[in-house]
C-alpha atoms as a PDB file:
ATOM      1  CA  GLN A   1      18.698   7.241  -2.397  1.00  0.00           C
ATOM      2  CA  VAL A   2      16.952   5.207  -5.081  1.00  0.00           C
ATOM      3  CA  ALA A   3      14.744   6.530  -7.859  1.00  0.00           C
ATOM      4  CA  LEU A   4      12.360   4.084  -9.520  1.00  0.00           C
ATOM      5  CA  VAL A   5      10.713   4.478 -12.914  1.00  0.00           C
ATOM      6  CA  GLU A   6       8.106   2.008 -14.142  1.00  0.00           C
ATOM      7  CA  SER A   7       7.252   1.371 -17.777  1.00  0.00           C
ATOM      8  CA  GLY A   8       5.419  -1.141 -19.915  1.00  0.00           C
ATOM      9  CA  GLY A   9       1.841  -0.501 -18.883  1.00  0.00           C
ATOM     10  CA  GLY A  10      -0.963  -0.117 -21.376  1.00  0.00           C
ATOM     11  CA  LEU A  11      -4.237  -1.460 -22.680  1.00  0.00           C
ATOM     12  CA  VAL A  12      -4.558  -5.179 -23.358  1.00  0.00           C
ATOM     13  CA  GLN A  13      -7.429  -7.565 -24.002  1.00  0.00           C
ATOM     14  CA  ALA A  14      -8.365 -10.209 -21.491  1.00  0.00           C
ATOM     15  CA  GLY A  15      -6.137 -13.236 -21.867  1.00  0.00           C
ATOM     16  CA  GLY A  16      -3.245 -11.143 -23.081  1.00  0.00           C
ATOM     17  CA  SER A  17       0.148 -10.409 -21.591  1.00  0.00           C
ATOM     18  CA  LEU A  18       2.245  -7.438 -20.572  1.00  0.00           C
ATOM     19  CA  ARG A  19       5.707  -7.059 -19.139  1.00  0.00           C
ATOM     20  CA  LEU A  20       6.337  -4.229 -16.745  1.00  0.00           C
ATOM     21  CA  SER A  21       9.818  -2.903 -16.078  1.00  0.00           C
ATOM     22  CA  CYS A  22      11.111  -0.852 -13.191  1.00  0.00           C
ATOM     23  CA  ALA A  23      14.459   0.863 -13.668  1.00  0.00           C
ATOM     24  CA  ALA A  24      16.331   1.936 -10.555  1.00  0.00           C
ATOM     25  CA  SER A  25      18.976   4.575 -10.193  1.00  0.00           C
ATOM     26  CA  GLY A  26      21.915   4.286  -7.841  1.00  0.00           C
ATOM     27  CA  ARG A  27      24.704   1.803  -7.332  1.00  0.00           C
ATOM     28  CA  THR A  28      23.131  -0.209  -4.534  1.00  0.00           C
ATOM     29  CA  PHE A  29      20.252  -1.818  -6.386  1.00  0.00           C
ATOM     30  CA  SER A  30      21.364  -5.282  -5.313  1.00  0.00           C
ATOM     31  CA  SER A  31      20.998  -4.241  -1.657  1.00  0.00           C
ATOM     32  CA  TYR A  32      17.254  -3.859  -2.043  1.00  0.00           C
ATOM     33  CA  ALA A  33      14.474  -6.353  -2.250  1.00  0.00           C
ATOM     34  CA  MET A  34      11.952  -5.242  -4.855  1.00  0.00           C
ATOM     35  CA  GLY A  35       8.199  -5.429  -4.825  1.00  0.00           C
ATOM     36  CA  TRP A  36       5.291  -4.773  -7.136  1.00  0.00           C
ATOM     37  CA  PHE A  37       2.008  -3.445  -5.797  1.00  0.00           C
ATOM     38  CA  ARG A  38      -1.173  -2.336  -7.483  1.00  0.00           C
ATOM     39  CA  GLN A  39      -3.947   0.065  -6.679  1.00  0.00           C
ATOM     40  CA  ALA A  40      -7.353   0.280  -8.311  1.00  0.00           C
ATOM     41  CA  PRO A  41      -9.511   3.435  -8.029  1.00  0.00           C
ATOM     42  CA  GLY A  42     -11.004   3.741  -4.568  1.00  0.00           C
ATOM     43  CA  LYS A  43      -9.080   0.784  -3.208  1.00  0.00           C
ATOM     44  CA  GLU A  44      -5.995   0.365  -1.082  1.00  0.00           C
ATOM     45  CA  ARG A  45      -2.607  -0.463  -2.527  1.00  0.00           C
ATOM     46  CA  ARG A  46      -2.081  -4.203  -2.514  1.00  0.00           C
ATOM     47  CA  PHE A  47       0.868  -6.522  -2.749  1.00  0.00           C
ATOM     48  CA  VAL A  48       1.394  -8.321  -6.060  1.00  0.00           C
ATOM     49  CA  ALA A  49       4.889  -9.835  -6.028  1.00  0.00           C
ATOM     50  CA  ALA A  50       8.330  -9.456  -4.494  1.00  0.00           C
ATOM     51  CA  ILE A  51      11.850 -10.683  -5.087  1.00  0.00           C
ATOM     52  CA  ASP A  52      14.781 -10.761  -2.701  1.00  0.00           C
ATOM     53  CA  TRP A  53      18.142  -9.027  -3.204  1.00  0.00           C
ATOM     54  CA  SER A  54      19.742 -11.845  -5.155  1.00  0.00           C
ATOM     55  CA  GLY A  55      16.696 -12.892  -7.124  1.00  0.00           C
ATOM     56  CA  GLY A  56      16.795 -16.295  -5.491  1.00  0.00           C
ATOM     57  CA  SER A  57      13.425 -16.058  -3.766  1.00  0.00           C
ATOM     58  CA  THR A  58      10.124 -14.789  -5.091  1.00  0.00           C
ATOM     59  CA  TYR A  59       6.740 -14.190  -3.485  1.00  0.00           C
ATOM     60  CA  TYR A  60       3.296 -13.739  -4.997  1.00  0.00           C
ATOM     61  CA  ALA A  61      -0.181 -12.739  -4.026  1.00  0.00           C
ATOM     62  CA  GLU A  62      -2.600 -15.616  -4.336  1.00  0.00           C
ATOM     63  CA  SER A  63      -4.582 -13.750  -6.978  1.00  0.00           C
ATOM     64  CA  VAL A  64      -1.641 -13.658  -9.396  1.00  0.00           C
ATOM     65  CA  ASN A  65       0.263 -16.815  -8.493  1.00  0.00           C
ATOM     66  CA  GLY A  66       0.809 -18.910 -11.600  1.00  0.00           C
ATOM     67  CA  ARG A  67       0.034 -16.015 -13.949  1.00  0.00           C
ATOM     68  CA  PHE A  68       2.606 -13.389 -13.000  1.00  0.00           C
ATOM     69  CA  SER A  69       6.362 -13.769 -12.702  1.00  0.00           C
ATOM     70  CA  ILE A  70       8.810 -11.360 -11.056  1.00  0.00           C
ATOM     71  CA  SER A  71      12.474 -11.256 -11.965  1.00  0.00           C
ATOM     72  CA  ARG A  72      15.422  -8.896 -11.684  1.00  0.00           C
ATOM     73  CA  ASP A  73      18.626  -8.101 -13.492  1.00  0.00           C
ATOM     74  CA  ASN A  74      21.047  -6.538 -11.039  1.00  0.00           C
ATOM     75  CA  ALA A  75      23.496  -5.691 -13.808  1.00  0.00           C
ATOM     76  CA  LYS A  76      20.793  -3.526 -15.408  1.00  0.00           C
ATOM     77  CA  ASN A  77      19.306  -2.223 -12.140  1.00  0.00           C
ATOM     78  CA  THR A  78      15.923  -3.408 -13.348  1.00  0.00           C
ATOM     79  CA  VAL A  79      13.083  -5.512 -11.993  1.00  0.00           C
ATOM     80  CA  TYR A  80      10.403  -7.006 -14.212  1.00  0.00           C
ATOM     81  CA  LEU A  81       6.861  -8.225 -13.823  1.00  0.00           C
ATOM     82  CA  GLN A  82       5.674 -10.577 -16.539  1.00  0.00           C
ATOM     83  CA  MET A  83       1.893 -10.714 -16.503  1.00  0.00           C
ATOM     84  CA  ASN A  84       0.070 -13.441 -18.402  1.00  0.00           C
ATOM     85  CA  SER A  85      -3.580 -14.485 -18.703  1.00  0.00           C
ATOM     86  CA  LEU A  86      -4.685 -11.002 -17.720  1.00  0.00           C
ATOM     87  CA  THR A  87      -8.248 -10.396 -16.628  1.00  0.00           C
ATOM     88  CA  PRO A  88     -10.225  -7.149 -16.158  1.00  0.00           C
ATOM     89  CA  GLU A  89      -9.702  -7.596 -12.407  1.00  0.00           C
ATOM     90  CA  ASP A  90      -5.979  -6.940 -12.977  1.00  0.00           C
ATOM     91  CA  THR A  91      -6.749  -3.390 -14.098  1.00  0.00           C
ATOM     92  CA  SER A  92      -4.857  -1.056 -11.759  1.00  0.00           C
ATOM     93  CA  ILE A  93      -1.975   1.302 -11.446  1.00  0.00           C
ATOM     94  CA  TYR A  94       1.112  -0.823 -10.822  1.00  0.00           C
ATOM     95  CA  TYR A  95       3.901   0.457  -8.601  1.00  0.00           C
ATOM     96  CA  CYS A  96       7.347  -0.904  -7.965  1.00  0.00           C
ATOM     97  CA  ALA A  97       9.034  -0.375  -4.633  1.00  0.00           C
ATOM     98  CA  ALA A  98      12.397  -0.985  -2.982  1.00  0.00           C
ATOM     99  CA  GLN A  99      12.960  -2.369   0.506  1.00  0.00           C
ATOM    100  CA  ALA A 100      16.351  -1.985   2.156  1.00  0.00           C
ATOM    101  CA  ARG A 101      17.968  -5.188   3.324  1.00  0.00           C
ATOM    102  CA  GLU A 102      18.122  -4.069   6.938  1.00  0.00           C
ATOM    103  CA  LYS A 103      14.328  -3.772   7.014  1.00  0.00           C
ATOM    104  CA  TYR A 104      13.781  -7.387   6.211  1.00  0.00           C
ATOM    105  CA  TYR A 105      11.825  -9.681   8.472  1.00  0.00           C
ATOM    106  CA  SER A 106       9.677 -12.659   7.616  1.00  0.00           C
ATOM    107  CA  GLY A 107       6.635 -11.237   5.864  1.00  0.00           C
ATOM    108  CA  SER A 108       8.029  -7.748   5.374  1.00  0.00           C
ATOM    109  CA  TYR A 109       7.669  -7.939   1.612  1.00  0.00           C
ATOM    110  CA  TYR A 110       3.870  -7.911   1.835  1.00  0.00           C
ATOM    111  CA  HIS A 111       3.523  -4.566   3.601  1.00  0.00           C
ATOM    112  CA  THR A 112       3.634  -1.179   1.911  1.00  0.00           C
ATOM    113  CA  GLN A 113       5.002   0.538   5.014  1.00  0.00           C
ATOM    114  CA  GLU A 114       8.169  -1.586   4.896  1.00  0.00           C
ATOM    115  CA  TYR A 115       9.279  -0.187   1.542  1.00  0.00           C
ATOM    116  CA  ASP A 116      11.589   2.793   1.355  1.00  0.00           C
ATOM    117  CA  TYR A 117      11.188   4.006  -2.214  1.00  0.00           C
ATOM    118  CA  TRP A 118       8.343   4.009  -4.705  1.00  0.00           C
ATOM    119  CA  GLY A 119       7.960   4.647  -8.392  1.00  0.00           C
ATOM    120  CA  GLN A 120       5.280   6.867  -9.909  1.00  0.00           C
ATOM    121  CA  GLY A 121       3.231   3.949 -11.210  1.00  0.00           C
ATOM    122  CA  THR A 122       2.158   2.690 -14.598  1.00  0.00           C
ATOM    123  CA  GLN A 123      -1.437   2.100 -15.674  1.00  0.00           C
ATOM    124  CA  VAL A 124      -2.524  -1.361 -16.757  1.00  0.00           C
ATOM    125  CA  THR A 125      -5.973  -1.665 -18.277  1.00  0.00           C
ATOM    126  CA  VAL A 126      -7.430  -5.028 -19.274  1.00  0.00           C
ATOM    127  CA  SER A 127     -10.516  -4.949 -21.469  1.00  0.00           C
ATOM    128  CA  SER A 128     -13.074  -7.734 -21.535  1.00  0.00           C
END
């Protein structure tokens, strides 16, 4: 069982930056790949970024590639999402999620149904 708690959301002007954190409970954090997704009102939840168990491989949606950076600290049971050059289109609720290692297959990180645990979300609002 893994409990995830996001923090770091808020209101920022376009062009600004935010860093989201996701703290995980449990002793097996390093056994999970971690992902960030976002969901705007009336829209489906979409993949943003993912990182494998060791932190050695990262994956990004095209819309955020080059602006966002995902990282993890397994000693602190925490995954981060550094968001730079924010635009109003980045406004969403951001969720972190954990995917067990045994669920992995090529491309599994991009799909919400392949994640086992979800946080409650944190609101990010970017003003123009």
